[in-house]
Amino acid sequence: DHTIISERLKQAIQKEGLTGMEIKPFDKFEV
């Protein structure tokens, strides 16, 4: 049960200084 975000969204979250969540890398996968 994971929510995956794009690198672009991760950078925007960090730039705006949003808190209250944990962002960590996810291994590559194929669907």
Full PDB file with SEQRES, HELIX, SHEET, SSBOND, CRYST1, ORIGX, SCALE, CONECT and MASTER records, all heavy atoms in Angstrom:
SEQRES   1 A   31  ASP HIS THR ILE ILE SER GLU ARG LEU LYS GLN ALA ILE          
SEQRES   2 A   31  GLN LYS GLU GLY LEU THR GLY MET GLU ILE LYS PRO PHE          
SEQRES   3 A   31  ASP LYS PHE GLU VAL                                          
HELIX    1 AA1 GLU A    7  GLU A   16  1                                  10    
CRYST1    1.000    1.000    1.000  90.00  90.00  90.00 P 1           1          
ORIGX1      1.000000  0.000000  0.000000        0.00000                         
ORIGX2      0.000000  1.000000  0.000000        0.00000                         
ORIGX3      0.000000  0.000000  1.000000        0.00000                         
SCALE1      1.000000  0.000000  0.000000        0.00000                         
SCALE2      0.000000  1.000000  0.000000        0.00000                         
SCALE3      0.000000  0.000000  1.000000        0.00000                         
ATOM      1  N   ASP A   1       0.844  -1.197   0.000  1.00  0.00           N  
ATOM      2  CA  ASP A   1       0.000   0.000   0.000  1.00  0.00           C  
ATOM      3  C   ASP A   1       0.876   1.243   0.000  1.00  0.00           C  
ATOM      4  O   ASP A   1       1.242   1.758   1.052  1.00  0.00           O  
ATOM      5  CB  ASP A   1      -0.927  -0.018   1.221  1.00  0.00           C  
ATOM      6  CG  ASP A   1      -1.958   1.076   1.173  1.00  0.00           C  
ATOM      7  OD1 ASP A   1      -2.296   1.525   0.062  1.00  0.00           O  
ATOM      8  OD2 ASP A   1      -2.421   1.489   2.243  1.00  0.00           O  
ATOM      9  N   HIS A   2       1.249   1.702  -1.195  1.00  0.00           N  
ATOM     10  CA  HIS A   2       2.157   2.835  -1.330  1.00  0.00           C  
ATOM     11  C   HIS A   2       1.550   3.909  -2.217  1.00  0.00           C  
ATOM     12  O   HIS A   2       0.847   3.618  -3.176  1.00  0.00           O  
ATOM     13  CB  HIS A   2       3.485   2.408  -1.959  1.00  0.00           C  
ATOM     14  CG  HIS A   2       4.208   1.375  -1.175  1.00  0.00           C  
ATOM     15  ND1 HIS A   2       4.888   1.659  -0.014  1.00  0.00           N  
ATOM     16  CD2 HIS A   2       4.356   0.046  -1.374  1.00  0.00           C  
ATOM     17  CE1 HIS A   2       5.425   0.552   0.462  1.00  0.00           C  
ATOM     18  NE2 HIS A   2       5.114  -0.442  -0.355  1.00  0.00           N  
ATOM     19  N   THR A   3       1.840   5.150  -1.907  1.00  0.00           N  
ATOM     20  CA  THR A   3       1.529   6.263  -2.790  1.00  0.00           C  
ATOM     21  C   THR A   3       2.839   6.716  -3.399  1.00  0.00           C  
ATOM     22  O   THR A   3       3.788   7.033  -2.684  1.00  0.00           O  
ATOM     23  CB  THR A   3       0.872   7.424  -2.013  1.00  0.00           C  
ATOM     24  OG1 THR A   3      -0.328   6.941  -1.406  1.00  0.00           O  
ATOM     25  CG2 THR A   3       0.554   8.581  -2.934  1.00  0.00           C  
ATOM     26  N   ILE A   4       2.914   6.713  -4.706  1.00  0.00           N  
ATOM     27  CA  ILE A   4       4.133   7.069  -5.426  1.00  0.00           C  
ATOM     28  C   ILE A   4       3.961   8.494  -5.965  1.00  0.00           C  
ATOM     29  O   ILE A   4       2.915   8.829  -6.518  1.00  0.00           O  
ATOM     30  CB  ILE A   4       4.373   6.100  -6.609  1.00  0.00           C  
ATOM     31  CG1 ILE A   4       4.294   4.639  -6.162  1.00  0.00           C  
ATOM     32  CG2 ILE A   4       5.679   6.413  -7.314  1.00  0.00           C  
ATOM     33  CD1 ILE A   4       5.380   4.192  -5.225  1.00  0.00           C  
ATOM     34  N   ILE A   5       4.989   9.320  -5.793  1.00  0.00           N  
ATOM     35  CA  ILE A   5       4.945  10.683  -6.332  1.00  0.00           C  
ATOM     36  C   ILE A   5       6.100  10.871  -7.308  1.00  0.00           C  
ATOM     37  O   ILE A   5       7.118  10.189  -7.233  1.00  0.00           O  
ATOM     38  CB  ILE A   5       4.993  11.757  -5.222  1.00  0.00           C  
ATOM     39  CG1 ILE A   5       6.307  11.711  -4.450  1.00  0.00           C  
ATOM     40  CG2 ILE A   5       3.802  11.619  -4.281  1.00  0.00           C  
ATOM     41  CD1 ILE A   5       6.487  12.867  -3.456  1.00  0.00           C  
ATOM     42  N   SER A   6       5.931  11.800  -8.211  1.00  0.00           N  
ATOM     43  CA  SER A   6       6.968  12.086  -9.199  1.00  0.00           C  
ATOM     44  C   SER A   6       8.102  12.878  -8.552  1.00  0.00           C  
ATOM     45  O   SER A   6       7.941  13.498  -7.499  1.00  0.00           O  
ATOM     46  CB  SER A   6       6.381  12.893 -10.358  1.00  0.00           C  
ATOM     47  OG  SER A   6       6.002  14.180  -9.910  1.00  0.00           O  
ATOM     48  N   GLU A   7       9.235  12.853  -9.203  1.00  0.00           N  
ATOM     49  CA  GLU A   7      10.372  13.648  -8.745  1.00  0.00           C  
ATOM     50  C   GLU A   7      10.001  15.129  -8.758  1.00  0.00           C  
ATOM     51  O   GLU A   7      10.363  15.884  -7.865  1.00  0.00           O  
ATOM     52  CB  GLU A   7      11.591  13.390  -9.641  1.00  0.00           C  
ATOM     53  CG  GLU A   7      12.833  14.144  -9.230  1.00  0.00           C  
ATOM     54  CD  GLU A   7      13.421  13.705  -7.897  1.00  0.00           C  
ATOM     55  OE1 GLU A   7      13.188  12.558  -7.470  1.00  0.00           O  
ATOM     56  OE2 GLU A   7      14.123  14.527  -7.275  1.00  0.00           O  
ATOM     57  N   ARG A   8       9.259  15.545  -9.770  1.00  0.00           N  
ATOM     58  CA  ARG A   8       8.824  16.936  -9.883  1.00  0.00           C  
ATOM     59  C   ARG A   8       7.961  17.340  -8.689  1.00  0.00           C  
ATOM     60  O   ARG A   8       8.159  18.408  -8.110  1.00  0.00           O  
ATOM     61  CB  ARG A   8       8.063  17.127 -11.187  1.00  0.00           C  
ATOM     62  CG  ARG A   8       7.612  18.538 -11.432  1.00  0.00           C  
ATOM     63  CD  ARG A   8       7.001  18.702 -12.793  1.00  0.00           C  
ATOM     64  NE  ARG A   8       5.805  17.867 -12.901  1.00  0.00           N  
ATOM     65  CZ  ARG A   8       5.189  17.589 -14.036  1.00  0.00           C  
ATOM     66  NH1 ARG A   8       5.649  18.052 -15.165  1.00  0.00           N  
ATOM     67  NH2 ARG A   8       4.119  16.841 -14.048  1.00  0.00           N  
ATOM     68  N   LEU A   9       7.027  16.481  -8.273  1.00  0.00           N  
ATOM     69  CA  LEU A   9       6.183  16.784  -7.117  1.00  0.00           C  
ATOM     70  C   LEU A   9       7.009  16.784  -5.830  1.00  0.00           C  
ATOM     71  O   LEU A   9       6.833  17.645  -4.976  1.00  0.00           O  
ATOM     72  CB  LEU A   9       5.033  15.790  -7.016  1.00  0.00           C  
ATOM     73  CG  LEU A   9       4.080  15.996  -5.846  1.00  0.00           C  
ATOM     74  CD1 LEU A   9       3.484  17.397  -5.839  1.00  0.00           C  
ATOM     75  CD2 LEU A   9       2.978  14.936  -5.875  1.00  0.00           C  
ATOM     76  N   LYS A  10       7.936  15.841  -5.709  1.00  0.00           N  
ATOM     77  CA  LYS A  10       8.804  15.801  -4.521  1.00  0.00           C  
ATOM     78  C   LYS A  10       9.581  17.109  -4.373  1.00  0.00           C  
ATOM     79  O   LYS A  10       9.651  17.690  -3.287  1.00  0.00           O  
ATOM     80  CB  LYS A  10       9.781  14.630  -4.611  1.00  0.00           C  
ATOM     81  CG  LYS A  10      10.697  14.527  -3.394  1.00  0.00           C  
ATOM     82  CD  LYS A  10      11.766  13.496  -3.610  1.00  0.00           C  
ATOM     83  CE  LYS A  10      13.017  14.215  -3.966  1.00  0.00           C  
ATOM     84  NZ  LYS A  10      14.236  13.483  -3.967  1.00  0.00           N  
ATOM     85  N   GLN A  11      10.136  17.596  -5.469  1.00  0.00           N  
ATOM     86  CA  GLN A  11      10.904  18.843  -5.425  1.00  0.00           C  
ATOM     87  C   GLN A  11      10.019  20.029  -5.055  1.00  0.00           C  
ATOM     88  O   GLN A  11      10.441  20.906  -4.296  1.00  0.00           O  
ATOM     89  CB  GLN A  11      11.600  19.073  -6.754  1.00  0.00           C  
ATOM     90  CG  GLN A  11      12.722  18.088  -6.992  1.00  0.00           C  
ATOM     91  CD  GLN A  11      13.332  18.197  -8.374  1.00  0.00           C  
ATOM     92  OE1 GLN A  11      12.939  19.035  -9.189  1.00  0.00           O  
ATOM     93  NE2 GLN A  11      14.291  17.333  -8.655  1.00  0.00           N  
ATOM     94  N   ALA A  12       8.788  20.065  -5.566  1.00  0.00           N  
ATOM     95  CA  ALA A  12       7.865  21.156  -5.241  1.00  0.00           C  
ATOM     96  C   ALA A  12       7.492  21.131  -3.764  1.00  0.00           C  
ATOM     97  O   ALA A  12       7.432  22.175  -3.110  1.00  0.00           O  
ATOM     98  CB  ALA A  12       6.611  21.061  -6.106  1.00  0.00           C  
ATOM     99  N   ILE A  13       7.265  19.940  -3.215  1.00  0.00           N  
ATOM    100  CA  ILE A  13       6.943  19.801  -1.791  1.00  0.00           C  
ATOM    101  C   ILE A  13       8.102  20.316  -0.939  1.00  0.00           C  
ATOM    102  O   ILE A  13       7.904  21.064   0.014  1.00  0.00           O  
ATOM    103  CB  ILE A  13       6.623  18.330  -1.451  1.00  0.00           C  
ATOM    104  CG1 ILE A  13       5.265  17.946  -2.050  1.00  0.00           C  
ATOM    105  CG2 ILE A  13       6.646  18.079   0.059  1.00  0.00           C  
ATOM    106  CD1 ILE A  13       4.955  16.463  -1.983  1.00  0.00           C  
ATOM    107  N   GLN A  14       9.310  19.909  -1.292  1.00  0.00           N  
ATOM    108  CA  GLN A  14      10.482  20.339  -0.535  1.00  0.00           C  
ATOM    109  C   GLN A  14      10.710  21.845  -0.670  1.00  0.00           C  
ATOM    110  O   GLN A  14      11.040  22.512   0.312  1.00  0.00           O  
ATOM    111  CB  GLN A  14      11.709  19.553  -0.989  1.00  0.00           C  
ATOM    112  CG  GLN A  14      11.625  18.095  -0.593  1.00  0.00           C  
ATOM    113  CD  GLN A  14      12.741  17.245  -1.173  1.00  0.00           C  
ATOM    114  OE1 GLN A  14      13.280  17.536  -2.239  1.00  0.00           O  
ATOM    115  NE2 GLN A  14      13.069  16.168  -0.484  1.00  0.00           N  
ATOM    116  N   LYS A  15      10.532  22.385  -1.868  1.00  0.00           N  
ATOM    117  CA  LYS A  15      10.733  23.818  -2.096  1.00  0.00           C  
ATOM    118  C   LYS A  15       9.759  24.648  -1.261  1.00  0.00           C  
ATOM    119  O   LYS A  15      10.134  25.687  -0.702  1.00  0.00           O  
ATOM    120  CB  LYS A  15      10.549  24.137  -3.578  1.00  0.00           C  
ATOM    121  CG  LYS A  15      10.721  25.595  -3.910  1.00  0.00           C  
ATOM    122  CD  LYS A  15      10.515  25.843  -5.389  1.00  0.00           C  
ATOM    123  CE  LYS A  15      10.621  27.327  -5.680  1.00  0.00           C  
ATOM    124  NZ  LYS A  15      10.311  27.622  -7.077  1.00  0.00           N  
ATOM    125  N   GLU A  16       8.520  24.190  -1.142  1.00  0.00           N  
ATOM    126  CA  GLU A  16       7.502  24.922  -0.377  1.00  0.00           C  
ATOM    127  C   GLU A  16       7.614  24.690   1.122  1.00  0.00           C  
ATOM    128  O   GLU A  16       6.937  25.350   1.902  1.00  0.00           O  
ATOM    129  CB  GLU A  16       6.104  24.533  -0.857  1.00  0.00           C  
ATOM    130  CG  GLU A  16       5.809  24.958  -2.278  1.00  0.00           C  
ATOM    131  CD  GLU A  16       5.886  26.454  -2.483  1.00  0.00           C  
ATOM    132  OE1 GLU A  16       5.459  27.221  -1.591  1.00  0.00           O  
ATOM    133  OE2 GLU A  16       6.383  26.876  -3.549  1.00  0.00           O  
ATOM    134  N   GLY A  17       8.467  23.747   1.535  1.00  0.00           N  
ATOM    135  CA  GLY A  17       8.680  23.494   2.959  1.00  0.00           C  
ATOM    136  C   GLY A  17       7.523  22.779   3.645  1.00  0.00           C  
ATOM    137  O   GLY A  17       7.334  22.934   4.853  1.00  0.00           O  
ATOM    138  N   LEU A  18       6.749  22.003   2.873  1.00  0.00           N  
ATOM    139  CA  LEU A  18       5.633  21.267   3.468  1.00  0.00           C  
ATOM    140  C   LEU A  18       6.158  20.190   4.419  1.00  0.00           C  
ATOM    141  O   LEU A  18       7.184  19.562   4.159  1.00  0.00           O  
ATOM    142  CB  LEU A  18       4.774  20.631   2.381  1.00  0.00           C  
ATOM    143  CG  LEU A  18       4.108  21.602   1.414  1.00  0.00           C  
ATOM    144  CD1 LEU A  18       3.377  20.854   0.330  1.00  0.00           C  
ATOM    145  CD2 LEU A  18       3.168  22.534   2.147  1.00  0.00           C  
ATOM    146  N   THR A  19       5.459  19.981   5.518  1.00  0.00           N  
ATOM    147  CA  THR A  19       5.861  18.989   6.508  1.00  0.00           C  
ATOM    148  C   THR A  19       4.689  18.055   6.805  1.00  0.00           C  
ATOM    149  O   THR A  19       3.597  18.227   6.282  1.00  0.00           O  
ATOM    150  CB  THR A  19       6.316  19.667   7.807  1.00  0.00           C  
ATOM    151  OG1 THR A  19       5.220  20.420   8.337  1.00  0.00           O  
ATOM    152  CG2 THR A  19       7.507  20.585   7.570  1.00  0.00           C  
ATOM    153  N   GLY A  20       4.934  17.069   7.671  1.00  0.00           N  
ATOM    154  CA  GLY A  20       3.884  16.153   8.084  1.00  0.00           C  
ATOM    155  C   GLY A  20       3.822  14.897   7.248  1.00  0.00           C  
ATOM    156  O   GLY A  20       2.845  14.162   7.285  1.00  0.00           O  
ATOM    157  N   MET A  21       4.876  14.635   6.475  1.00  0.00           N  
ATOM    158  CA  MET A  21       4.919  13.434   5.650  1.00  0.00           C  
ATOM    159  C   MET A  21       6.359  12.950   5.564  1.00  0.00           C  
ATOM    160  O   MET A  21       7.291  13.698   5.839  1.00  0.00           O  
ATOM    161  CB  MET A  21       4.384  13.706   4.252  1.00  0.00           C  
ATOM    162  CG  MET A  21       5.252  14.649   3.446  1.00  0.00           C  
ATOM    163  SD  MET A  21       4.485  15.320   2.001  1.00  0.00           S  
ATOM    164  CE  MET A  21       3.653  16.721   2.726  1.00  0.00           C  
ATOM    165  N   GLU A  22       6.503  11.713   5.210  1.00  0.00           N  
ATOM    166  CA  GLU A  22       7.837  11.140   5.002  1.00  0.00           C  
ATOM    167  C   GLU A  22       7.964  10.793   3.530  1.00  0.00           C  
ATOM    168  O   GLU A  22       7.120  10.099   2.971  1.00  0.00           O  
ATOM    169  CB  GLU A  22       8.024   9.886   5.846  1.00  0.00           C  
ATOM    170  CG  GLU A  22       9.363   9.231   5.665  1.00  0.00           C  
ATOM    171  CD  GLU A  22       9.517   7.959   6.472  1.00  0.00           C  
ATOM    172  OE1 GLU A  22       8.506   7.444   7.001  1.00  0.00           O  
ATOM    173  OE2 GLU A  22      10.649   7.462   6.560  1.00  0.00           O  
ATOM    174  N   ILE A  23       8.999  11.300   2.903  1.00  0.00           N  
ATOM    175  CA  ILE A  23       9.275  10.980   1.501  1.00  0.00           C  
ATOM    176  C   ILE A  23      10.547  10.160   1.468  1.00  0.00           C  
ATOM    177  O   ILE A  23      11.583  10.585   1.981  1.00  0.00           O  
ATOM    178  CB  ILE A  23       9.446  12.263   0.657  1.00  0.00           C  
ATOM    179  CG1 ILE A  23       8.166  13.083   0.679  1.00  0.00           C  
ATOM    180  CG2 ILE A  23       9.842  11.901  -0.779  1.00  0.00           C  
ATOM    181  CD1 ILE A  23       8.279  14.431  -0.034  1.00  0.00           C  
ATOM    182  N   LYS A  24      10.442   8.971   0.871  1.00  0.00           N  
ATOM    183  CA  LYS A  24      11.634   8.139   0.758  1.00  0.00           C  
ATOM    184  C   LYS A  24      11.666   7.468  -0.609  1.00  0.00           C  
ATOM    185  O   LYS A  24      10.614   7.277  -1.228  1.00  0.00           O  
ATOM    186  CB  LYS A  24      11.702   7.116   1.882  1.00  0.00           C  
ATOM    187  CG  LYS A  24      10.509   6.226   2.036  1.00  0.00           C  
ATOM    188  CD  LYS A  24      10.658   5.362   3.279  1.00  0.00           C  
ATOM    189  CE  LYS A  24       9.409   4.530   3.486  1.00  0.00           C  
ATOM    190  NZ  LYS A  24       9.519   3.686   4.654  1.00  0.00           N  
ATOM    191  N   PRO A  25      12.852   7.126  -1.097  1.00  0.00           N  
ATOM    192  CA  PRO A  25      12.983   6.516  -2.431  1.00  0.00           C  
ATOM    193  C   PRO A  25      12.271   5.173  -2.496  1.00  0.00           C  
ATOM    194  O   PRO A  25      12.140   4.465  -1.498  1.00  0.00           O  
ATOM    195  CB  PRO A  25      14.488   6.326  -2.602  1.00  0.00           C  
ATOM    196  CG  PRO A  25      15.137   7.094  -1.520  1.00  0.00           C  
ATOM    197  CD  PRO A  25      14.131   7.303  -0.449  1.00  0.00           C  
ATOM    198  N   PHE A  26      11.831   4.834  -3.690  1.00  0.00           N  
ATOM    199  CA  PHE A  26      11.176   3.554  -3.942  1.00  0.00           C  
ATOM    200  C   PHE A  26      11.965   2.843  -5.025  1.00  0.00           C  
ATOM    201  O   PHE A  26      12.371   3.467  -6.015  1.00  0.00           O  
ATOM    202  CB  PHE A  26       9.734   3.802  -4.403  1.00  0.00           C  
ATOM    203  CG  PHE A  26       8.851   2.601  -4.277  1.00  0.00           C  
ATOM    204  CD1 PHE A  26       8.245   2.310  -3.071  1.00  0.00           C  
ATOM    205  CD2 PHE A  26       8.618   1.773  -5.352  1.00  0.00           C  
ATOM    206  CE1 PHE A  26       7.419   1.209  -2.940  1.00  0.00           C  
ATOM    207  CE2 PHE A  26       7.802   0.672  -5.235  1.00  0.00           C  
ATOM    208  CZ  PHE A  26       7.196   0.381  -4.023  1.00  0.00           C  
ATOM    209  N   ASP A  27      12.212   1.555  -4.850  1.00  0.00           N  
ATOM    210  CA  ASP A  27      12.957   0.784  -5.853  1.00  0.00           C  
ATOM    211  C   ASP A  27      12.254   0.810  -7.194  1.00  0.00           C  
ATOM    212  O   ASP A  27      11.033   0.895  -7.268  1.00  0.00           O  
ATOM    213  CB  ASP A  27      13.137  -0.664  -5.409  1.00  0.00           C  
ATOM    214  CG  ASP A  27      14.063  -0.800  -4.206  1.00  0.00           C  
ATOM    215  OD1 ASP A  27      14.947   0.060  -4.051  1.00  0.00           O  
ATOM    216  OD2 ASP A  27      13.898  -1.760  -3.444  1.00  0.00           O  
ATOM    217  N   LYS A  28      13.022   0.698  -8.258  1.00  0.00           N  
ATOM    218  CA  LYS A  28      12.442   0.638  -9.600  1.00  0.00           C  
ATOM    219  C   LYS A  28      11.583  -0.616  -9.721  1.00  0.00           C  
ATOM    220  O   LYS A  28      11.878  -1.647  -9.121  1.00  0.00           O  
ATOM    221  CB  LYS A  28      13.541   0.593 -10.657  1.00  0.00           C  
ATOM    222  CG  LYS A  28      14.271   1.897 -10.797  1.00  0.00           C  
ATOM    223  CD  LYS A  28      15.267   1.815 -11.927  1.00  0.00           C  
ATOM    224  CE  LYS A  28      15.968   3.148 -12.100  1.00  0.00           C  
ATOM    225  NZ  LYS A  28      16.883   3.126 -13.215  1.00  0.00           N  
ATOM    226  N   PHE A  29      10.525  -0.526 -10.521  1.00  0.00           N  
ATOM    227  CA  PHE A  29       9.636  -1.658 -10.739  1.00  0.00           C  
ATOM    228  C   PHE A  29       8.991  -1.529 -12.106  1.00  0.00           C  
ATOM    229  O   PHE A  29       9.022  -0.464 -12.714  1.00  0.00           O  
ATOM    230  CB  PHE A  29       8.558  -1.715  -9.649  1.00  0.00           C  
ATOM    231  CG  PHE A  29       7.675  -0.500  -9.586  1.00  0.00           C  
ATOM    232  CD1 PHE A  29       6.503  -0.442 -10.317  1.00  0.00           C  
ATOM    233  CD2 PHE A  29       8.029   0.584  -8.806  1.00  0.00           C  
ATOM    234  CE1 PHE A  29       5.695   0.675 -10.259  1.00  0.00           C  
ATOM    235  CE2 PHE A  29       7.224   1.718  -8.744  1.00  0.00           C  
ATOM    236  CZ  PHE A  29       6.053   1.762  -9.468  1.00  0.00           C  
ATOM    237  N   GLU A  30       8.441  -2.634 -12.585  1.00  0.00           N  
ATOM    238  CA  GLU A  30       7.728  -2.642 -13.863  1.00  0.00           C  
ATOM    239  C   GLU A  30       6.314  -3.129 -13.619  1.00  0.00           C  
ATOM    240  O   GLU A  30       6.094  -4.014 -12.815  1.00  0.00           O  
ATOM    241  CB  GLU A  30       8.410  -3.555 -14.874  1.00  0.00           C  
ATOM    242  CG  GLU A  30       9.706  -2.999 -15.402  1.00  0.00           C  
ATOM    243  CD  GLU A  30      10.254  -3.832 -16.539  1.00  0.00           C  
ATOM    244  OE1 GLU A  30       9.463  -4.445 -17.285  1.00  0.00           O  
ATOM    245  OE2 GLU A  30      11.482  -3.890 -16.661  1.00  0.00           O  
ATOM    246  N   VAL A  31       5.373  -2.535 -14.325  1.00  0.00           N  
ATOM    247  CA  VAL A  31       3.977  -2.928 -14.227  1.00  0.00           C  
ATOM    248  C   VAL A  31       3.521  -3.385 -15.599  1.00  0.00           C  
ATOM    249  O   VAL A  31       3.792  -2.734 -16.604  1.00  0.00           O  
ATOM    250  CB  VAL A  31       3.109  -1.746 -13.751  1.00  0.00           C  
ATOM    251  CG1 VAL A  31       1.646  -2.113 -13.748  1.00  0.00           C  
ATOM    252  CG2 VAL A  31       3.556  -1.275 -12.373  1.00  0.00           C  
TER     253      VAL A  31                                                      
MASTER        0    0    0    1    0    0    0    6  252    1    0    3          
END                                                                             
